[in-house]
Amino acid sequence: MSSRARANGYTNSHGNKPLFSYGVISDVQYADIPDGRSFIGVPRFYRHSILILQRAVREWNNHKKLNFSVNFGDIVDGHFPKEESINAVQKVMNEFEKFNGSVYHMIGNHCLYNLPRSALITLFKMPGRAYYDFSPMPSYKFIVLDAYEPQDHPLTTEAMNILRDKNPNTEKNSPEGLVGLERRFLKFNGGCWEATDGMVGWTS
């Protein structure tokens, strides 16, 4: 616990002993395809990535004091053949289920390249929607947001028009030629949607 937290009164009877601990992983991006590169040239080791996840889960279990783990999304890669996507996601989920505790998942852009949100919500065992909260102990709550607009939402069309206007590249996830703050205008960027029953109202 940080000195700032202690100064604000967030201390416990165990001194410096953490109130809870958790594991974190992001961007597994598994795919049963040969190694390659991202659109900006970063090497990708698609099949090997599941071995990294297996190693992480073993470490989590060996730790023995982890209360839960969090997956920040992109468990499969966007280059994966779409007809095999559900099997790939399930294969990765089988590895997560070997953790001796709860795993809380988030949806990433690569997840949505492969499967619709409705299928991912079921596979990730989310509570009927991609935004939710959980509490590992009293007085502490984690809020998970869905940062991707539904494709049929009116703001999605508006966002795509802005993207086409601001980013001249054919590959809209490429910042090539963009300078400074203009480099934010990429397809995988965005904000959280607000509607009558949307997340902003839910968090309040």
N, C-alpha and C. Protein backbone atom coordinates (compact mmCIF):
# COMPACT_ATOMS: atom_id res chain seq x y z
N MET A 1 0.85 -1.18 0.00
CA MET A 1 0.00 0.00 0.00
C MET A 1 0.89 1.24 0.00
N SER A 2 0.56 2.23 -0.80
CA SER A 2 1.41 3.40 -0.94
C SER A 2 1.31 4.30 0.27
N SER A 3 2.33 5.18 0.43
CA SER A 3 2.31 6.14 1.53
C SER A 3 1.14 7.09 1.38
N ARG A 4 0.76 7.40 0.14
CA ARG A 4 -0.39 8.28 -0.08
C ARG A 4 -1.67 7.63 0.41
N ALA A 5 -1.80 6.34 0.16
CA ALA A 5 -2.99 5.64 0.63
C ALA A 5 -3.05 5.63 2.14
N ARG A 6 -1.89 5.41 2.78
CA ARG A 6 -1.87 5.41 4.24
C ARG A 6 -2.22 6.79 4.78
N ALA A 7 -1.74 7.83 4.11
CA ALA A 7 -2.03 9.19 4.54
C ALA A 7 -3.51 9.51 4.45
N ASN A 8 -4.19 8.87 3.50
CA ASN A 8 -5.62 9.09 3.34
C ASN A 8 -6.46 8.19 4.23
N GLY A 9 -5.80 7.41 5.06
CA GLY A 9 -6.54 6.58 6.00
C GLY A 9 -6.80 5.18 5.54
N TYR A 10 -6.28 4.77 4.38
CA TYR A 10 -6.52 3.43 3.86
C TYR A 10 -5.46 2.46 4.37
N THR A 11 -5.51 2.19 5.66
CA THR A 11 -4.58 1.27 6.28
C THR A 11 -5.35 0.08 6.81
N ASN A 12 -4.62 -0.96 7.21
CA ASN A 12 -5.28 -2.12 7.79
C ASN A 12 -4.50 -2.59 9.00
N SER A 13 -5.09 -3.52 9.72
CA SER A 13 -4.50 -3.97 10.98
C SER A 13 -3.25 -4.81 10.77
N HIS A 14 -2.93 -5.13 9.52
CA HIS A 14 -1.78 -5.98 9.23
C HIS A 14 -0.56 -5.17 8.78
N GLY A 15 -0.57 -3.87 9.04
CA GLY A 15 0.57 -3.05 8.65
C GLY A 15 0.71 -2.95 7.15
N ASN A 16 1.85 -3.38 6.63
CA ASN A 16 2.11 -3.29 5.20
C ASN A 16 1.60 -4.48 4.41
N LYS A 17 0.97 -5.42 5.04
CA LYS A 17 0.42 -6.57 4.33
C LYS A 17 -0.70 -6.10 3.40
N PRO A 18 -0.66 -6.49 2.13
CA PRO A 18 -1.70 -6.03 1.19
C PRO A 18 -3.08 -6.54 1.58
N LEU A 19 -4.09 -5.73 1.32
CA LEU A 19 -5.47 -6.12 1.60
C LEU A 19 -5.91 -7.25 0.69
N PHE A 20 -5.46 -7.21 -0.55
CA PHE A 20 -5.72 -8.30 -1.49
C PHE A 20 -4.70 -8.22 -2.61
N SER A 21 -4.50 -9.32 -3.31
CA SER A 21 -3.56 -9.39 -4.43
C SER A 21 -4.26 -10.02 -5.62
N TYR A 22 -3.84 -9.65 -6.82
CA TYR A 22 -4.46 -10.23 -8.01
C TYR A 22 -3.47 -10.28 -9.17
N GLY A 23 -3.73 -11.19 -10.08
CA GLY A 23 -2.91 -11.34 -11.27
C GLY A 23 -3.48 -10.53 -12.43
N VAL A 24 -2.62 -10.16 -13.35
CA VAL A 24 -3.04 -9.37 -14.52
C VAL A 24 -2.36 -9.92 -15.77
N ILE A 25 -3.11 -9.99 -16.85
CA ILE A 25 -2.53 -10.35 -18.15
C ILE A 25 -3.29 -9.61 -19.24
N SER A 26 -2.62 -9.37 -20.34
CA SER A 26 -3.25 -8.64 -21.44
C SER A 26 -2.70 -9.13 -22.77
N ASP A 27 -3.51 -9.04 -23.81
CA ASP A 27 -3.06 -9.28 -25.18
C ASP A 27 -2.41 -10.64 -25.38
N VAL A 28 -3.10 -11.70 -24.98
CA VAL A 28 -2.62 -13.04 -25.30
C VAL A 28 -2.53 -13.20 -26.81
N GLN A 29 -3.56 -12.76 -27.52
CA GLN A 29 -3.60 -12.74 -28.99
C GLN A 29 -3.16 -14.07 -29.61
N TYR A 30 -3.76 -15.13 -29.11
CA TYR A 30 -3.47 -16.47 -29.64
C TYR A 30 -4.08 -16.64 -31.03
N ALA A 31 -3.38 -17.39 -31.86
CA ALA A 31 -3.92 -17.82 -33.16
C ALA A 31 -3.12 -19.04 -33.61
N ASP A 32 -3.82 -20.02 -34.14
CA ASP A 32 -3.15 -21.23 -34.63
C ASP A 32 -2.72 -21.01 -36.08
N ILE A 33 -1.81 -20.06 -36.25
CA ILE A 33 -1.28 -19.70 -37.57
C ILE A 33 0.22 -19.45 -37.42
N PRO A 34 0.97 -19.45 -38.53
CA PRO A 34 2.41 -19.19 -38.45
C PRO A 34 2.72 -17.81 -37.88
N ASP A 35 3.91 -17.67 -37.30
CA ASP A 35 4.34 -16.38 -36.78
C ASP A 35 4.32 -15.33 -37.88
N GLY A 36 4.13 -14.09 -37.48
CA GLY A 36 4.08 -13.01 -38.45
C GLY A 36 4.41 -11.68 -37.81
N ARG A 37 3.85 -10.61 -38.36
CA ARG A 37 4.08 -9.27 -37.84
C ARG A 37 2.76 -8.50 -37.83
N SER A 38 2.68 -7.52 -36.94
CA SER A 38 1.53 -6.64 -36.90
C SER A 38 1.60 -5.69 -38.09
N PHE A 39 0.57 -4.85 -38.24
CA PHE A 39 0.55 -3.95 -39.39
C PHE A 39 1.64 -2.87 -39.29
N ILE A 40 2.24 -2.71 -38.10
CA ILE A 40 3.35 -1.76 -37.98
C ILE A 40 4.70 -2.47 -37.85
N GLY A 41 4.70 -3.80 -38.10
CA GLY A 41 5.95 -4.54 -38.18
C GLY A 41 6.43 -5.21 -36.91
N VAL A 42 5.62 -5.20 -35.84
CA VAL A 42 6.02 -5.83 -34.59
C VAL A 42 5.90 -7.35 -34.73
N PRO A 43 6.96 -8.12 -34.39
CA PRO A 43 6.88 -9.58 -34.51
C PRO A 43 5.76 -10.16 -33.65
N ARG A 44 5.04 -11.14 -34.18
CA ARG A 44 3.95 -11.81 -33.45
C ARG A 44 4.23 -13.31 -33.45
N PHE A 45 4.16 -13.91 -32.27
CA PHE A 45 4.39 -15.35 -32.12
C PHE A 45 3.06 -15.98 -31.68
N TYR A 46 2.21 -16.20 -32.66
CA TYR A 46 0.81 -16.51 -32.41
C TYR A 46 0.59 -17.80 -31.62
N ARG A 47 1.18 -18.89 -32.06
CA ARG A 47 0.97 -20.17 -31.38
C ARG A 47 1.66 -20.17 -30.01
N HIS A 48 2.81 -19.52 -29.93
CA HIS A 48 3.58 -19.52 -28.68
C HIS A 48 2.85 -18.76 -27.56
N SER A 49 1.96 -17.85 -27.93
CA SER A 49 1.33 -16.99 -26.93
C SER A 49 0.54 -17.78 -25.89
N ILE A 50 -0.04 -18.91 -26.29
CA ILE A 50 -0.82 -19.68 -25.32
C ILE A 50 0.11 -20.31 -24.27
N LEU A 51 1.36 -20.56 -24.64
CA LEU A 51 2.33 -21.08 -23.67
C LEU A 51 2.64 -20.02 -22.62
N ILE A 52 2.67 -18.76 -23.03
CA ILE A 52 2.88 -17.66 -22.08
C ILE A 52 1.72 -17.58 -21.10
N LEU A 53 0.50 -17.76 -21.62
CA LEU A 53 -0.67 -17.76 -20.74
C LEU A 53 -0.60 -18.92 -19.75
N GLN A 54 -0.24 -20.09 -20.23
CA GLN A 54 -0.12 -21.25 -19.34
C GLN A 54 0.89 -20.98 -18.23
N ARG A 55 2.00 -20.35 -18.59
CA ARG A 55 3.03 -20.02 -17.60
C ARG A 55 2.48 -19.02 -16.58
N ALA A 56 1.72 -18.04 -17.06
CA ALA A 56 1.14 -17.05 -16.15
C ALA A 56 0.18 -17.70 -15.17
N VAL A 57 -0.69 -18.58 -15.66
CA VAL A 57 -1.65 -19.25 -14.78
C VAL A 57 -0.93 -20.10 -13.74
N ARG A 58 0.13 -20.79 -14.14
CA ARG A 58 0.91 -21.57 -13.17
C ARG A 58 1.49 -20.67 -12.08
N GLU A 59 2.00 -19.52 -12.49
CA GLU A 59 2.56 -18.58 -11.51
C GLU A 59 1.48 -18.07 -10.57
N TRP A 60 0.31 -17.76 -11.13
CA TRP A 60 -0.79 -17.31 -10.28
C TRP A 60 -1.13 -18.37 -9.23
N ASN A 61 -1.24 -19.61 -9.68
CA ASN A 61 -1.59 -20.69 -8.75
C ASN A 61 -0.48 -20.93 -7.73
N ASN A 62 0.77 -20.80 -8.14
CA ASN A 62 1.88 -20.99 -7.21
C ASN A 62 1.93 -19.89 -6.16
N HIS A 63 1.42 -18.73 -6.51
CA HIS A 63 1.42 -17.60 -5.58
C HIS A 63 0.57 -17.91 -4.35
N LYS A 64 -0.52 -18.61 -4.56
CA LYS A 64 -1.43 -19.13 -3.52
C LYS A 64 -2.22 -18.06 -2.78
N LYS A 65 -1.85 -16.80 -2.90
CA LYS A 65 -2.57 -15.77 -2.16
C LYS A 65 -3.27 -14.77 -3.08
N LEU A 66 -3.38 -15.11 -4.35
CA LEU A 66 -4.10 -14.23 -5.27
C LEU A 66 -5.60 -14.39 -5.06
N ASN A 67 -6.29 -13.27 -4.92
CA ASN A 67 -7.74 -13.32 -4.73
C ASN A 67 -8.49 -13.51 -6.04
N PHE A 68 -7.92 -13.01 -7.14
CA PHE A 68 -8.55 -13.12 -8.45
C PHE A 68 -7.53 -12.70 -9.50
N SER A 69 -7.90 -12.80 -10.77
CA SER A 69 -7.05 -12.33 -11.86
C SER A 69 -7.90 -11.55 -12.86
N VAL A 70 -7.23 -10.69 -13.61
CA VAL A 70 -7.90 -9.83 -14.59
C VAL A 70 -7.24 -10.01 -15.95
N ASN A 71 -8.07 -10.23 -16.97
CA ASN A 71 -7.61 -10.29 -18.35
C ASN A 71 -8.08 -9.03 -19.06
N PHE A 72 -7.14 -8.23 -19.56
CA PHE A 72 -7.47 -6.94 -20.16
C PHE A 72 -7.87 -7.03 -21.63
N GLY A 73 -8.13 -8.22 -22.14
CA GLY A 73 -8.68 -8.33 -23.48
C GLY A 73 -7.71 -8.80 -24.54
N ASP A 74 -8.25 -8.97 -25.76
CA ASP A 74 -7.49 -9.45 -26.92
C ASP A 74 -6.90 -10.84 -26.69
N ILE A 75 -7.73 -11.80 -26.34
CA ILE A 75 -7.21 -13.14 -26.07
C ILE A 75 -6.92 -13.90 -27.36
N VAL A 76 -7.50 -13.47 -28.47
CA VAL A 76 -7.17 -14.05 -29.78
C VAL A 76 -6.78 -12.92 -30.71
N ASP A 77 -6.07 -13.25 -31.78
CA ASP A 77 -5.58 -12.23 -32.71
C ASP A 77 -6.57 -12.02 -33.85
N GLY A 78 -6.58 -10.79 -34.35
CA GLY A 78 -7.50 -10.45 -35.42
C GLY A 78 -7.23 -11.14 -36.73
N HIS A 79 -6.02 -11.72 -36.92
CA HIS A 79 -5.70 -12.43 -38.16
C HIS A 79 -6.22 -13.86 -38.17
N PHE A 80 -6.82 -14.29 -37.09
CA PHE A 80 -7.26 -15.69 -37.00
C PHE A 80 -8.43 -15.92 -37.96
N PRO A 81 -8.46 -17.07 -38.66
CA PRO A 81 -9.59 -17.36 -39.55
C PRO A 81 -10.91 -17.31 -38.79
N LYS A 82 -11.85 -16.50 -39.28
CA LYS A 82 -13.08 -16.24 -38.53
C LYS A 82 -13.89 -17.50 -38.26
N GLU A 83 -13.85 -18.46 -39.19
CA GLU A 83 -14.66 -19.67 -39.00
C GLU A 83 -14.13 -20.53 -37.85
N GLU A 84 -12.93 -20.27 -37.41
CA GLU A 84 -12.34 -21.04 -36.31
C GLU A 84 -12.25 -20.23 -35.02
N SER A 85 -12.79 -19.03 -35.03
CA SER A 85 -12.61 -18.11 -33.91
C SER A 85 -13.17 -18.64 -32.60
N ILE A 86 -14.38 -19.19 -32.64
CA ILE A 86 -15.00 -19.62 -31.39
C ILE A 86 -14.20 -20.74 -30.74
N ASN A 87 -13.62 -21.63 -31.55
CA ASN A 87 -12.79 -22.71 -30.99
C ASN A 87 -11.51 -22.14 -30.38
N ALA A 88 -10.95 -21.12 -31.02
CA ALA A 88 -9.73 -20.51 -30.50
C ALA A 88 -9.99 -19.81 -29.17
N VAL A 89 -11.10 -19.07 -29.10
CA VAL A 89 -11.45 -18.40 -27.84
C VAL A 89 -11.68 -19.42 -26.74
N GLN A 90 -12.39 -20.50 -27.07
CA GLN A 90 -12.65 -21.52 -26.05
C GLN A 90 -11.36 -22.19 -25.60
N LYS A 91 -10.41 -22.38 -26.52
CA LYS A 91 -9.13 -22.98 -26.15
C LYS A 91 -8.39 -22.11 -25.14
N VAL A 92 -8.41 -20.81 -25.37
CA VAL A 92 -7.75 -19.89 -24.44
C VAL A 92 -8.50 -19.84 -23.11
N MET A 93 -9.83 -19.84 -23.18
CA MET A 93 -10.63 -19.82 -21.96
C MET A 93 -10.36 -21.06 -21.11
N ASN A 94 -10.14 -22.19 -21.76
CA ASN A 94 -9.83 -23.42 -21.01
C ASN A 94 -8.57 -23.25 -20.17
N GLU A 95 -7.62 -22.47 -20.68
CA GLU A 95 -6.39 -22.22 -19.91
C GLU A 95 -6.66 -21.29 -18.73
N PHE A 96 -7.48 -20.27 -18.95
CA PHE A 96 -7.84 -19.38 -17.85
C PHE A 96 -8.56 -20.13 -16.74
N GLU A 97 -9.37 -21.12 -17.12
CA GLU A 97 -10.15 -21.85 -16.12
C GLU A 97 -9.29 -22.76 -15.24
N LYS A 98 -8.02 -22.91 -15.58
CA LYS A 98 -7.11 -23.68 -14.73
C LYS A 98 -6.62 -22.87 -13.53
N PHE A 99 -6.94 -21.57 -13.52
CA PHE A 99 -6.58 -20.74 -12.37
C PHE A 99 -7.49 -21.07 -11.19
N ASN A 100 -6.91 -21.16 -10.02
CA ASN A 100 -7.67 -21.51 -8.82
C ASN A 100 -8.34 -20.29 -8.21
N GLY A 101 -9.14 -19.63 -9.00
CA GLY A 101 -9.83 -18.44 -8.54
C GLY A 101 -10.64 -17.85 -9.67
N SER A 102 -11.23 -16.70 -9.43
CA SER A 102 -12.04 -16.04 -10.45
C SER A 102 -11.17 -15.25 -11.42
N VAL A 103 -11.55 -15.26 -12.69
CA VAL A 103 -10.89 -14.44 -13.70
C VAL A 103 -11.94 -13.49 -14.28
N TYR A 104 -11.65 -12.21 -14.27
CA TYR A 104 -12.56 -11.20 -14.81
C TYR A 104 -12.02 -10.73 -16.16
N HIS A 105 -12.86 -10.85 -17.19
CA HIS A 105 -12.42 -10.58 -18.56
C HIS A 105 -12.95 -9.24 -19.07
N MET A 106 -12.19 -8.66 -19.98
CA MET A 106 -12.62 -7.48 -20.72
C MET A 106 -12.55 -7.79 -22.21
N ILE A 107 -13.37 -7.10 -22.97
CA ILE A 107 -13.41 -7.30 -24.42
C ILE A 107 -12.43 -6.33 -25.08
N GLY A 108 -11.56 -6.86 -25.95
CA GLY A 108 -10.63 -6.03 -26.70
C GLY A 108 -11.01 -5.95 -28.17
N ASN A 109 -10.35 -5.07 -28.90
CA ASN A 109 -10.70 -4.90 -30.30
C ASN A 109 -10.46 -6.17 -31.12
N HIS A 110 -9.41 -6.93 -30.80
CA HIS A 110 -9.15 -8.17 -31.53
C HIS A 110 -10.25 -9.20 -31.25
N CYS A 111 -10.80 -9.17 -30.06
CA CYS A 111 -11.92 -10.07 -29.75
C CYS A 111 -13.09 -9.79 -30.69
N LEU A 112 -13.38 -8.50 -30.89
CA LEU A 112 -14.51 -8.12 -31.72
C LEU A 112 -14.22 -8.29 -33.21
N TYR A 113 -12.95 -8.35 -33.61
CA TYR A 113 -12.63 -8.68 -35.00
C TYR A 113 -13.05 -10.12 -35.31
N ASN A 114 -13.10 -10.96 -34.28
CA ASN A 114 -13.36 -12.38 -34.47
C ASN A 114 -14.80 -12.80 -34.20
N LEU A 115 -15.40 -12.25 -33.16
CA LEU A 115 -16.72 -12.71 -32.74
C LEU A 115 -17.59 -11.52 -32.35
N PRO A 116 -18.91 -11.67 -32.46
CA PRO A 116 -19.80 -10.59 -32.02
C PRO A 116 -19.80 -10.47 -30.50
N ARG A 117 -20.12 -9.30 -30.03
CA ARG A 117 -20.14 -9.02 -28.59
C ARG A 117 -20.99 -10.03 -27.84
N SER A 118 -22.15 -10.39 -28.40
CA SER A 118 -23.06 -11.32 -27.71
C SER A 118 -22.40 -12.67 -27.45
N ALA A 119 -21.63 -13.17 -28.42
CA ALA A 119 -20.94 -14.46 -28.24
C ALA A 119 -19.83 -14.34 -27.21
N LEU A 120 -19.12 -13.22 -27.22
CA LEU A 120 -18.03 -13.01 -26.27
C LEU A 120 -18.55 -12.91 -24.84
N ILE A 121 -19.68 -12.25 -24.67
CA ILE A 121 -20.26 -12.12 -23.33
C ILE A 121 -20.55 -13.49 -22.75
N THR A 122 -21.05 -14.40 -23.59
CA THR A 122 -21.33 -15.76 -23.12
C THR A 122 -20.04 -16.52 -22.82
N LEU A 123 -19.08 -16.46 -23.73
CA LEU A 123 -17.82 -17.18 -23.54
C LEU A 123 -17.04 -16.67 -22.34
N PHE A 124 -17.11 -15.36 -22.09
CA PHE A 124 -16.38 -14.76 -20.97
C PHE A 124 -17.17 -14.84 -19.66
N LYS A 125 -18.36 -15.42 -19.74
CA LYS A 125 -19.22 -15.57 -18.55
C LYS A 125 -19.49 -14.23 -17.87
N MET A 126 -19.76 -13.24 -18.71
CA MET A 126 -20.11 -11.91 -18.21
C MET A 126 -21.59 -11.87 -17.85
N PRO A 127 -21.99 -10.92 -17.01
CA PRO A 127 -23.38 -10.88 -16.53
C PRO A 127 -24.36 -10.26 -17.52
N GLY A 128 -24.39 -10.76 -18.76
CA GLY A 128 -25.36 -10.28 -19.74
C GLY A 128 -24.95 -9.03 -20.49
N ARG A 129 -23.81 -8.45 -20.16
CA ARG A 129 -23.31 -7.25 -20.84
C ARG A 129 -21.81 -7.18 -20.61
N ALA A 130 -21.12 -6.34 -21.39
CA ALA A 130 -19.66 -6.31 -21.34
C ALA A 130 -19.13 -5.30 -20.33
N TYR A 131 -20.00 -4.63 -19.60
CA TYR A 131 -19.56 -3.76 -18.50
C TYR A 131 -20.22 -4.24 -17.21
N TYR A 132 -19.45 -4.24 -16.15
CA TYR A 132 -19.94 -4.80 -14.89
C TYR A 132 -19.01 -4.36 -13.76
N ASP A 133 -19.31 -4.76 -12.56
CA ASP A 133 -18.43 -4.46 -11.43
C ASP A 133 -18.29 -5.70 -10.56
N PHE A 134 -17.24 -5.71 -9.76
CA PHE A 134 -17.08 -6.78 -8.79
C PHE A 134 -16.33 -6.23 -7.59
N SER A 135 -16.52 -6.85 -6.45
CA SER A 135 -15.93 -6.38 -5.20
C SER A 135 -15.14 -7.51 -4.55
N PRO A 136 -13.80 -7.41 -4.50
CA PRO A 136 -13.00 -8.47 -3.89
C PRO A 136 -13.09 -8.49 -2.37
N MET A 137 -13.51 -7.34 -1.80
CA MET A 137 -13.66 -7.25 -0.35
C MET A 137 -14.47 -5.99 -0.05
N PRO A 138 -15.06 -5.89 1.13
CA PRO A 138 -15.85 -4.70 1.46
C PRO A 138 -15.06 -3.41 1.27
N SER A 139 -15.74 -2.39 0.77
CA SER A 139 -15.19 -1.05 0.55
C SER A 139 -14.32 -0.93 -0.70
N TYR A 140 -14.14 -2.01 -1.45
CA TYR A 140 -13.36 -1.96 -2.69
C TYR A 140 -14.20 -2.51 -3.83
N LYS A 141 -14.31 -1.72 -4.89
CA LYS A 141 -15.08 -2.15 -6.06
C LYS A 141 -14.28 -1.87 -7.32
N PHE A 142 -14.23 -2.86 -8.20
CA PHE A 142 -13.61 -2.70 -9.51
C PHE A 142 -14.73 -2.50 -10.53
N ILE A 143 -14.59 -1.50 -11.39
CA ILE A 143 -15.58 -1.22 -12.42
C ILE A 143 -14.97 -1.52 -13.78
N VAL A 144 -15.58 -2.43 -14.50
CA VAL A 144 -15.11 -2.84 -15.83
C VAL A 144 -15.99 -2.17 -16.88
N LEU A 145 -15.38 -1.42 -17.79
CA LEU A 145 -16.12 -0.71 -18.82
C LEU A 145 -15.94 -1.37 -20.18
N ASP A 146 -16.94 -1.21 -21.03
CA ASP A 146 -16.88 -1.68 -22.42
C ASP A 146 -16.54 -0.47 -23.28
N ALA A 147 -15.32 -0.41 -23.79
CA ALA A 147 -14.85 0.78 -24.50
C ALA A 147 -15.15 0.75 -25.99
N TYR A 148 -15.98 -0.18 -26.45
CA TYR A 148 -16.24 -0.30 -27.88
C TYR A 148 -17.72 -0.12 -28.17
N GLU A 149 -18.01 0.84 -29.06
CA GLU A 149 -19.38 1.11 -29.44
C GLU A 149 -20.00 -0.08 -30.16
N PRO A 150 -21.27 -0.39 -29.89
CA PRO A 150 -21.98 -1.37 -30.73
C PRO A 150 -22.00 -0.87 -32.17
N GLN A 151 -21.82 -1.76 -33.13
CA GLN A 151 -21.72 -1.35 -34.53
C GLN A 151 -22.99 -0.68 -35.04
N ASP A 152 -24.13 -1.00 -34.43
CA ASP A 152 -25.39 -0.41 -34.90
C ASP A 152 -25.75 0.86 -34.15
N HIS A 153 -24.86 1.36 -33.29
CA HIS A 153 -25.14 2.58 -32.54
C HIS A 153 -24.92 3.79 -33.45
N PRO A 154 -25.80 4.81 -33.41
CA PRO A 154 -25.64 5.99 -34.28
C PRO A 154 -24.29 6.68 -34.13
N LEU A 155 -23.72 6.65 -32.93
CA LEU A 155 -22.43 7.31 -32.72
C LEU A 155 -21.30 6.59 -33.46
N THR A 156 -21.50 5.31 -33.77
CA THR A 156 -20.47 4.59 -34.51
C THR A 156 -20.29 5.17 -35.91
N THR A 157 -21.40 5.46 -36.57
CA THR A 157 -21.34 6.08 -37.90
C THR A 157 -20.68 7.44 -37.83
N GLU A 158 -21.04 8.22 -36.81
CA GLU A 158 -20.43 9.54 -36.64
C GLU A 158 -18.93 9.42 -36.40
N ALA A 159 -18.54 8.44 -35.58
CA ALA A 159 -17.12 8.24 -35.28
C ALA A 159 -16.34 7.84 -36.53
N MET A 160 -16.92 6.98 -37.37
CA MET A 160 -16.24 6.56 -38.59
C MET A 160 -16.07 7.73 -39.56
N ASN A 161 -17.04 8.63 -39.59
CA ASN A 161 -16.92 9.82 -40.45
C ASN A 161 -15.77 10.71 -39.97
N ILE A 162 -15.65 10.87 -38.66
CA ILE A 162 -14.55 11.66 -38.10
C ILE A 162 -13.21 10.99 -38.41
N LEU A 163 -13.17 9.66 -38.27
CA LEU A 163 -11.94 8.92 -38.53
C LEU A 163 -11.50 9.08 -39.98
N ARG A 164 -12.44 8.97 -40.91
CA ARG A 164 -12.10 9.12 -42.34
C ARG A 164 -11.60 10.53 -42.63
N ASP A 165 -12.16 11.51 -41.93
CA ASP A 165 -11.77 12.90 -42.14
C ASP A 165 -10.38 13.20 -41.57
N LYS A 166 -10.05 12.58 -40.43
CA LYS A 166 -8.81 12.89 -39.73
C LYS A 166 -7.64 11.98 -40.12
N ASN A 167 -7.93 10.76 -40.57
CA ASN A 167 -6.87 9.79 -40.87
C ASN A 167 -6.95 9.41 -42.35
N PRO A 168 -6.00 9.88 -43.17
CA PRO A 168 -6.05 9.63 -44.61
C PRO A 168 -5.55 8.24 -45.01
N ASN A 169 -5.02 7.47 -44.06
CA ASN A 169 -4.44 6.17 -44.38
C ASN A 169 -5.51 5.15 -44.75
N THR A 170 -5.19 4.26 -45.67
CA THR A 170 -6.10 3.16 -46.00
C THR A 170 -6.29 2.26 -44.79
N GLU A 171 -5.19 1.97 -44.09
CA GLU A 171 -5.25 1.22 -42.83
C GLU A 171 -5.54 2.21 -41.71
N LYS A 172 -6.78 2.20 -41.22
CA LYS A 172 -7.21 3.21 -40.25
C LYS A 172 -6.64 2.99 -38.85
N ASN A 173 -5.93 1.89 -38.64
CA ASN A 173 -5.24 1.71 -37.37
C ASN A 173 -3.79 2.19 -37.45
N SER A 174 -3.39 2.74 -38.59
CA SER A 174 -2.03 3.22 -38.77
C SER A 174 -1.96 4.73 -38.53
N PRO A 175 -1.01 5.19 -37.69
CA PRO A 175 -0.85 6.63 -37.45
C PRO A 175 0.13 7.30 -38.42
N GLU A 176 0.53 6.58 -39.47
CA GLU A 176 1.53 7.11 -40.41
C GLU A 176 1.10 8.48 -40.95
N GLY A 177 2.01 9.45 -40.84
CA GLY A 177 1.73 10.78 -41.35
C GLY A 177 1.00 11.69 -40.38
N LEU A 178 0.47 11.14 -39.31
CA LEU A 178 -0.23 11.94 -38.31
C LEU A 178 0.78 12.48 -37.30
N VAL A 179 0.53 13.69 -36.79
CA VAL A 179 1.48 14.35 -35.90
C VAL A 179 0.80 14.76 -34.60
N GLY A 180 1.53 14.61 -33.49
CA GLY A 180 1.03 15.08 -32.20
C GLY A 180 -0.28 14.42 -31.80
N LEU A 181 -1.23 15.23 -31.34
CA LEU A 181 -2.52 14.69 -30.89
C LEU A 181 -3.32 14.07 -32.02
N GLU A 182 -2.98 14.41 -33.26
CA GLU A 182 -3.69 13.83 -34.40
C GLU A 182 -3.47 12.32 -34.48
N ARG A 183 -2.42 11.81 -33.84
CA ARG A 183 -2.13 10.38 -33.87
C ARG A 183 -3.16 9.56 -33.09
N ARG A 184 -4.04 10.22 -32.38
CA ARG A 184 -5.08 9.50 -31.64
C ARG A 184 -6.20 9.01 -32.56
N PHE A 185 -6.27 9.54 -33.78
CA PHE A 185 -7.38 9.19 -34.67
C PHE A 185 -7.10 7.86 -35.36
N LEU A 186 -7.29 6.79 -34.61
CA LEU A 186 -7.10 5.42 -35.09
C LEU A 186 -8.38 4.63 -34.83
N LYS A 187 -8.58 3.59 -35.62
CA LYS A 187 -9.82 2.83 -35.53
C LYS A 187 -10.00 2.15 -34.18
N PHE A 188 -8.88 1.71 -33.56
CA PHE A 188 -9.05 1.00 -32.30
C PHE A 188 -9.18 1.94 -31.10
N ASN A 189 -9.11 3.25 -31.32
CA ASN A 189 -9.36 4.20 -30.24
C ASN A 189 -10.84 4.52 -30.18
N GLY A 190 -11.25 5.13 -29.08
CA GLY A 190 -12.65 5.49 -28.96
C GLY A 190 -12.99 5.85 -27.54
N GLY A 191 -14.28 6.03 -27.28
CA GLY A 191 -14.76 6.37 -25.95
C GLY A 191 -15.87 5.44 -25.53
N CYS A 192 -16.37 5.68 -24.34
CA CYS A 192 -17.45 4.85 -23.81
C CYS A 192 -18.79 5.46 -24.17
N TRP A 193 -19.71 4.64 -24.63
CA TRP A 193 -20.98 5.14 -25.13
C TRP A 193 -21.92 5.52 -24.01
N GLU A 194 -22.78 6.50 -24.30
CA GLU A 194 -23.77 6.96 -23.34
C GLU A 194 -25.14 6.91 -24.00
N ALA A 195 -26.05 6.20 -23.39
CA ALA A 195 -27.43 6.14 -23.83
C ALA A 195 -28.29 6.07 -22.58
N THR A 196 -29.59 6.02 -22.76
CA THR A 196 -30.49 5.98 -21.61
C THR A 196 -30.13 4.85 -20.67
N ASP A 197 -29.83 3.69 -21.24
CA ASP A 197 -29.48 2.53 -20.42
C ASP A 197 -28.00 2.19 -20.57
N GLY A 198 -27.17 3.18 -20.96
CA GLY A 198 -25.76 2.94 -21.22
C GLY A 198 -24.90 3.00 -19.98
N MET A 199 -23.59 2.89 -20.21
CA MET A 199 -22.65 2.76 -19.10
C MET A 199 -22.55 3.99 -18.23
N VAL A 200 -22.62 5.18 -18.86
CA VAL A 200 -22.43 6.38 -18.07
C VAL A 200 -23.52 6.51 -17.02
N GLY A 201 -24.75 6.23 -17.42
CA GLY A 201 -25.85 6.24 -16.45
C GLY A 201 -25.69 5.16 -15.41
N TRP A 202 -25.18 4.00 -15.84
CA TRP A 202 -24.99 2.87 -14.91
C TRP A 202 -23.97 3.20 -13.84
N THR A 203 -22.85 3.84 -14.22
CA THR A 203 -21.81 4.14 -13.23
C THR A 203 -22.25 5.18 -12.23
N SER A 204 -23.19 6.04 -12.60
CA SER A 204 -23.64 7.06 -11.66
C SER A 204 -24.68 6.51 -10.69
